[in-house]
């Protein structure tokens, strides 16, 4: 049994949620998001909470039960508060700057790396070595952060590159004479 799936998702104050068939729609101060739940999972809105149940006890239905509940919780949190990922840049001469809506990265290559932010995502650089990615869709925020990190991932010897702010890089010892 899914322990996460058993808990109903409470609808936060200031957010309106609707369930129409298999589509869950949430509107809040930050925007509007929709999620289409798999057919093997039953969704219903009752007492200002969204309850999720499997249609039967098959392995497939039970495996999608907890994931559906978590996705619904994420859209409710996203339209109310939004999501944010922070990246740090380490290395001599490595820096980031905003160029209009695009992110300009100097990562030790012979050229500047330009990253265009997708719709609904805001990128800011409070410091030249810090990048803040914000938006209402948790999946898209995480995807953008991963794509920027992939431009020059952290290396284990000197720790140079782009890393998540809460990530720790396992350092390796260099060659010995």
C-alpha atoms as a PDB file:
ATOM      1  CA  UNK A   1       0.000   0.000   0.000  1.00  0.00           C
ATOM      2  CA  UNK A   2       1.210   3.483  -0.841  1.00  0.00           C
ATOM      3  CA  UNK A   3       1.657   5.481   2.334  1.00  0.00           C
ATOM      4  CA  UNK A   4       1.929   8.716   0.361  1.00  0.00           C
ATOM      5  CA  UNK A   5      -1.123   7.894  -1.775  1.00  0.00           C
ATOM      6  CA  UNK A   6      -3.354   7.333   1.269  1.00  0.00           C
ATOM      7  CA  UNK A   7      -3.047  10.946   2.433  1.00  0.00           C
ATOM      8  CA  UNK A   8      -5.460  13.386   0.784  1.00  0.00           C
ATOM      9  CA  UNK A   9      -3.853  16.548  -0.626  1.00  0.00           C
ATOM     10  CA  UNK A  10      -5.198  19.617   1.223  1.00  0.00           C
ATOM     11  CA  UNK A  11      -6.042  22.579  -1.007  1.00  0.00           C
ATOM     12  CA  UNK A  12      -4.144  25.617   0.409  1.00  0.00           C
ATOM     13  CA  UNK A  13      -5.792  28.939   1.247  1.00  0.00           C
ATOM     14  CA  UNK A  14      -6.059  31.180  -1.830  1.00  0.00           C
ATOM     15  CA  UNK A  15      -5.963  28.294  -4.323  1.00  0.00           C
ATOM     16  CA  UNK A  16      -8.984  26.971  -6.208  1.00  0.00           C
ATOM     17  CA  UNK A  17      -8.862  23.370  -7.395  1.00  0.00           C
ATOM     18  CA  UNK A  18     -11.189  21.566  -9.785  1.00  0.00           C
ATOM     19  CA  UNK A  19     -11.432  17.916 -10.725  1.00  0.00           C
ATOM     20  CA  UNK A  20     -13.114  17.183 -14.055  1.00  0.00           C
ATOM     21  CA  UNK A  21     -12.840  13.519 -14.944  1.00  0.00           C
ATOM     22  CA  UNK A  22      -9.113  12.740 -14.871  1.00  0.00           C
ATOM     23  CA  UNK A  23      -7.948  16.391 -15.127  1.00  0.00           C
ATOM     24  CA  UNK A  24      -6.965  18.333 -12.006  1.00  0.00           C
ATOM     25  CA  UNK A  25      -6.801  22.124 -12.468  1.00  0.00           C
ATOM     26  CA  UNK A  26      -5.327  24.497  -9.882  1.00  0.00           C
ATOM     27  CA  UNK A  27      -5.511  28.306  -9.964  1.00  0.00           C
ATOM     28  CA  UNK A  28      -3.584  30.455  -7.532  1.00  0.00           C
ATOM     29  CA  UNK A  29      -1.810  33.792  -7.159  1.00  0.00           C
ATOM     30  CA  UNK A  30       1.188  32.630  -9.262  1.00  0.00           C
ATOM     31  CA  UNK A  31      -0.799  31.158 -12.169  1.00  0.00           C
ATOM     32  CA  UNK A  32      -2.672  28.082 -13.340  1.00  0.00           C
ATOM     33  CA  UNK A  33      -1.541  24.475 -13.822  1.00  0.00           C
ATOM     34  CA  UNK A  34      -3.246  21.310 -15.054  1.00  0.00           C
ATOM     35  CA  UNK A  35      -2.386  17.661 -14.518  1.00  0.00           C
ATOM     36  CA  UNK A  36      -4.034  14.730 -16.276  1.00  0.00           C
ATOM     37  CA  UNK A  37      -4.111  11.721 -13.958  1.00  0.00           C
ATOM     38  CA  UNK A  38      -3.584   8.223 -15.358  1.00  0.00           C
ATOM     39  CA  UNK A  39      -6.775   6.220 -16.032  1.00  0.00           C
ATOM     40  CA  UNK A  40      -5.790   3.585 -13.471  1.00  0.00           C
ATOM     41  CA  UNK A  41      -6.107   6.126 -10.655  1.00  0.00           C
ATOM     42  CA  UNK A  42      -9.368   7.621  -9.351  1.00  0.00           C
ATOM     43  CA  UNK A  43      -9.366  11.301  -8.259  1.00  0.00           C
ATOM     44  CA  UNK A  44     -12.063  13.142  -6.323  1.00  0.00           C
ATOM     45  CA  UNK A  45     -12.379  16.505  -4.563  1.00  0.00           C
ATOM     46  CA  UNK A  46     -13.976  16.337  -1.118  1.00  0.00           C
ATOM     47  CA  UNK A  47     -13.824  18.583   1.994  1.00  0.00           C
ATOM     48  CA  UNK A  48     -11.208  20.980   0.513  1.00  0.00           C
ATOM     49  CA  UNK A  49      -8.860  18.075  -0.176  1.00  0.00           C
ATOM     50  CA  UNK A  50      -8.098  15.976  -3.243  1.00  0.00           C
ATOM     51  CA  UNK A  51      -8.211  12.236  -2.592  1.00  0.00           C
ATOM     52  CA  UNK A  52      -6.399   9.787  -4.857  1.00  0.00           C
ATOM     53  CA  UNK A  53      -7.193   6.046  -4.978  1.00  0.00           C
ATOM     54  CA  UNK A  54      -6.223   3.192  -7.298  1.00  0.00           C
ATOM     55  CA  UNK A  55      -9.090   1.775  -9.392  1.00  0.00           C
ATOM     56  CA  UNK A  56      -7.991  -1.796  -8.621  1.00  0.00           C
ATOM     57  CA  UNK A  57      -5.188  -3.559  -6.755  1.00  0.00           C
ATOM     58  CA  UNK A  58      -3.010  -4.283  -9.819  1.00  0.00           C
ATOM     59  CA  UNK A  59       0.700  -3.524  -9.545  1.00  0.00           C
ATOM     60  CA  UNK A  60       0.461  -0.899 -12.293  1.00  0.00           C
ATOM     61  CA  UNK A  61      -2.389   1.004 -10.596  1.00  0.00           C
ATOM     62  CA  UNK A  62      -0.674   0.938  -7.194  1.00  0.00           C
ATOM     63  CA  UNK A  63       2.618   2.176  -8.681  1.00  0.00           C
ATOM     64  CA  UNK A  64       0.894   5.213 -10.260  1.00  0.00           C
ATOM     65  CA  UNK A  65      -1.122   5.999  -7.134  1.00  0.00           C
ATOM     66  CA  UNK A  66       1.592   7.695  -5.046  1.00  0.00           C
ATOM     67  CA  UNK A  67       3.126   9.441  -8.058  1.00  0.00           C
ATOM     68  CA  UNK A  68      -0.244  10.973  -9.000  1.00  0.00           C
ATOM     69  CA  UNK A  69      -0.781  12.232  -5.460  1.00  0.00           C
ATOM     70  CA  UNK A  70       2.699  13.826  -5.433  1.00  0.00           C
ATOM     71  CA  UNK A  71       2.146  15.495  -8.822  1.00  0.00           C
ATOM     72  CA  UNK A  72      -1.147  16.992  -7.573  1.00  0.00           C
ATOM     73  CA  UNK A  73       0.571  18.232  -4.391  1.00  0.00           C
ATOM     74  CA  UNK A  74       3.296  19.828  -6.549  1.00  0.00           C
ATOM     75  CA  UNK A  75       0.859  21.756  -8.755  1.00  0.00           C
ATOM     76  CA  UNK A  76      -1.033  23.036  -5.690  1.00  0.00           C
ATOM     77  CA  UNK A  77       2.234  24.181  -4.065  1.00  0.00           C
ATOM     78  CA  UNK A  78       3.461  25.669  -7.357  1.00  0.00           C
ATOM     79  CA  UNK A  79       0.463  27.917  -8.012  1.00  0.00           C
ATOM     80  CA  UNK A  80       0.579  29.193  -4.421  1.00  0.00           C
ATOM     81  CA  UNK A  81       4.306  29.636  -3.677  1.00  0.00           C
ATOM     82  CA  UNK A  82       6.232  28.530  -6.768  1.00  0.00           C
ATOM     83  CA  UNK A  83       9.505  26.595  -6.882  1.00  0.00           C
ATOM     84  CA  UNK A  84      13.109  27.762  -6.904  1.00  0.00           C
ATOM     85  CA  UNK A  85      16.487  26.161  -7.625  1.00  0.00           C
ATOM     86  CA  UNK A  86      19.830  27.790  -6.900  1.00  0.00           C
ATOM     87  CA  UNK A  87      23.039  27.075  -8.783  1.00  0.00           C
ATOM     88  CA  UNK A  88      26.591  28.084  -7.851  1.00  0.00           C
ATOM     89  CA  UNK A  89      29.488  28.634 -10.230  1.00  0.00           C
ATOM     90  CA  UNK A  90      33.019  27.827  -9.032  1.00  0.00           C
ATOM     91  CA  UNK A  91      36.201  28.516 -10.975  1.00  0.00           C
ATOM     92  CA  UNK A  92      38.515  31.357 -11.939  1.00  0.00           C
ATOM     93  CA  UNK A  93      36.847  33.469 -14.625  1.00  0.00           C
ATOM     94  CA  UNK A  94      33.585  31.484 -14.483  1.00  0.00           C
ATOM     95  CA  UNK A  95      30.602  33.797 -14.206  1.00  0.00           C
ATOM     96  CA  UNK A  96      26.982  34.324 -15.221  1.00  0.00           C
ATOM     97  CA  UNK A  97      25.086  37.429 -16.288  1.00  0.00           C
ATOM     98  CA  UNK A  98      21.652  38.217 -17.654  1.00  0.00           C
ATOM     99  CA  UNK A  99      21.451  39.426 -21.256  1.00  0.00           C
ATOM    100  CA  UNK A 100      17.818  40.498 -21.600  1.00  0.00           C
ATOM    101  CA  UNK A 101      15.838  37.316 -20.877  1.00  0.00           C
ATOM    102  CA  UNK A 102      18.767  35.064 -21.789  1.00  0.00           C
ATOM    103  CA  UNK A 103      21.457  33.790 -19.446  1.00  0.00           C
ATOM    104  CA  UNK A 104      25.033  34.404 -20.561  1.00  0.00           C
ATOM    105  CA  UNK A 105      27.602  32.018 -19.065  1.00  0.00           C
ATOM    106  CA  UNK A 106      31.399  32.264 -19.137  1.00  0.00           C
ATOM    107  CA  UNK A 107      32.516  28.727 -18.332  1.00  0.00           C
ATOM    108  CA  UNK A 108      36.083  28.522 -19.589  1.00  0.00           C
ATOM    109  CA  UNK A 109      35.200  27.780 -23.204  1.00  0.00           C
ATOM    110  CA  UNK A 110      36.484  29.872 -26.122  1.00  0.00           C
ATOM    111  CA  UNK A 111      32.945  31.271 -26.492  1.00  0.00           C
ATOM    112  CA  UNK A 112      30.137  32.514 -24.285  1.00  0.00           C
ATOM    113  CA  UNK A 113      27.326  30.031 -23.614  1.00  0.00           C
ATOM    114  CA  UNK A 114      23.864  31.573 -24.090  1.00  0.00           C
ATOM    115  CA  UNK A 115      20.880  29.835 -22.476  1.00  0.00           C
ATOM    116  CA  UNK A 116      17.351  30.905 -23.446  1.00  0.00           C
ATOM    117  CA  UNK A 117      14.834  30.545 -20.620  1.00  0.00           C
ATOM    118  CA  UNK A 118      11.632  28.666 -21.552  1.00  0.00           C
ATOM    119  CA  UNK A 119       8.177  30.195 -21.107  1.00  0.00           C
ATOM    120  CA  UNK A 120       7.090  30.510 -17.473  1.00  0.00           C
ATOM    121  CA  UNK A 121      10.621  30.374 -16.036  1.00  0.00           C
ATOM    122  CA  UNK A 122      12.464  33.373 -14.616  1.00  0.00           C
ATOM    123  CA  UNK A 123      16.226  33.297 -14.254  1.00  0.00           C
ATOM    124  CA  UNK A 124      18.171  35.856 -12.218  1.00  0.00           C
ATOM    125  CA  UNK A 125      21.792  36.376 -11.182  1.00  0.00           C
ATOM    126  CA  UNK A 126      22.047  38.141  -7.802  1.00  0.00           C
ATOM    127  CA  UNK A 127      25.837  37.603  -7.917  1.00  0.00           C
ATOM    128  CA  UNK A 128      28.075  36.696 -10.870  1.00  0.00           C
ATOM    129  CA  UNK A 129      28.620  33.249  -9.322  1.00  0.00           C
ATOM    130  CA  UNK A 130      24.996  32.523  -8.403  1.00  0.00           C
ATOM    131  CA  UNK A 131      21.980  31.651 -10.570  1.00  0.00           C
ATOM    132  CA  UNK A 132      18.378  31.518  -9.289  1.00  0.00           C
ATOM    133  CA  UNK A 133      15.768  29.685 -11.366  1.00  0.00           C
ATOM    134  CA  UNK A 134      12.114  30.197 -10.383  1.00  0.00           C
ATOM    135  CA  UNK A 135       8.757  29.076 -11.764  1.00  0.00           C
ATOM    136  CA  UNK A 136       5.476  27.388 -10.867  1.00  0.00           C
ATOM    137  CA  UNK A 137       6.110  23.991 -12.494  1.00  0.00           C
ATOM    138  CA  UNK A 138       8.525  21.908 -10.403  1.00  0.00           C
ATOM    139  CA  UNK A 139       9.463  19.621 -13.293  1.00  0.00           C
ATOM    140  CA  UNK A 140      10.361  22.494 -15.645  1.00  0.00           C
ATOM    141  CA  UNK A 141      12.366  24.339 -12.952  1.00  0.00           C
ATOM    142  CA  UNK A 142      14.373  21.190 -12.257  1.00  0.00           C
ATOM    143  CA  UNK A 143      14.874  20.519 -15.972  1.00  0.00           C
ATOM    144  CA  UNK A 144      16.192  24.048 -16.620  1.00  0.00           C
ATOM    145  CA  UNK A 145      18.559  23.774 -13.644  1.00  0.00           C
ATOM    146  CA  UNK A 146      19.839  20.422 -14.924  1.00  0.00           C
ATOM    147  CA  UNK A 147      20.376  21.795 -18.447  1.00  0.00           C
ATOM    148  CA  UNK A 148      22.369  24.776 -17.141  1.00  0.00           C
ATOM    149  CA  UNK A 149      24.430  22.503 -14.857  1.00  0.00           C
ATOM    150  CA  UNK A 150      25.138  20.219 -17.819  1.00  0.00           C
ATOM    151  CA  UNK A 151      26.894  23.073 -19.696  1.00  0.00           C
ATOM    152  CA  UNK A 152      29.898  22.551 -17.374  1.00  0.00           C
ATOM    153  CA  UNK A 153      29.312  20.091 -14.551  1.00  0.00           C
ATOM    154  CA  UNK A 154      31.522  20.174 -11.460  1.00  0.00           C
ATOM    155  CA  UNK A 155      34.784  18.256 -11.757  1.00  0.00           C
ATOM    156  CA  UNK A 156      36.160  16.282  -8.780  1.00  0.00           C
ATOM    157  CA  UNK A 157      39.747  17.595  -8.611  1.00  0.00           C
ATOM    158  CA  UNK A 158      39.365  21.358  -8.227  1.00  0.00           C
ATOM    159  CA  UNK A 159      35.564  21.568  -7.936  1.00  0.00           C
ATOM    160  CA  UNK A 160      35.287  23.917 -10.926  1.00  0.00           C
ATOM    161  CA  UNK A 161      31.989  24.098 -12.784  1.00  0.00           C
ATOM    162  CA  UNK A 162      28.269  24.655 -12.168  1.00  0.00           C
ATOM    163  CA  UNK A 163      26.678  22.859  -9.224  1.00  0.00           C
ATOM    164  CA  UNK A 164      23.465  22.976  -7.225  1.00  0.00           C
ATOM    165  CA  UNK A 165      23.733  25.184  -4.134  1.00  0.00           C
ATOM    166  CA  UNK A 166      22.952  22.288  -1.769  1.00  0.00           C
ATOM    167  CA  UNK A 167      25.153  19.781  -3.633  1.00  0.00           C
ATOM    168  CA  UNK A 168      28.461  18.618  -2.184  1.00  0.00           C
ATOM    169  CA  UNK A 169      31.190  17.632  -4.607  1.00  0.00           C
ATOM    170  CA  UNK A 170      33.222  14.596  -3.551  1.00  0.00           C
ATOM    171  CA  UNK A 171      36.793  15.738  -4.090  1.00  0.00           C
ATOM    172  CA  UNK A 172      39.566  13.462  -5.325  1.00  0.00           C
ATOM    173  CA  UNK A 173      43.200  13.685  -4.464  1.00  0.00           C
ATOM    174  CA  UNK A 174      45.513  14.621  -7.333  1.00  0.00           C
ATOM    175  CA  UNK A 175      48.687  12.865  -8.460  1.00  0.00           C
ATOM    176  CA  UNK A 176      51.501  12.559  -5.963  1.00  0.00           C
ATOM    177  CA  UNK A 177      55.174  12.959  -6.808  1.00  0.00           C
END
